[in-house]
């Protein structure tokens, strides 16, 4: 986990260094990183173009009204350094994803606008690739073993 985080920070720093001149990196302190979807287009929220706004709208179509109040969006780099739009259910937590009073919590959110299993880490403002199944990682699958039950009659 530590090596993955260090590699992600390196990629993010490299991507920020290769960004267009004059464009602040996505993780700069003065650049908004995430906001509620109700704040799209308002000052202090990450700016979205028309295609990104359409992607947000598509991602939240069919969401219950109470969930719409807590769905957030962000512009975050993926593992290759490309900045992408992420839409996620913030579950009513603060913008950084930490539960109040839970100093050591580390929460990542499933993305609503992609179906590959990627997650968003609000503390690092980064997209994390999905973890492949155990078979693809070359590990023995421990969670797919068949369960056998037996009953005895008396």
Foldseek 3Di string as FASTA:
>chain_A
DVVLVVLQVVLQVVLQVVDDPPDGRLPDPVAQFKDQLVCAPHPSHHHDDPVVNVLQVVLCVPPDPVQSRQKMKGFAAESNNHTDIFIFRLVPDPQQNDHPPRVPDFDWTFTSSDDQRWIAGSNVRYIYGHDDAQVVVVHDDPVPDDDDDDDDDD
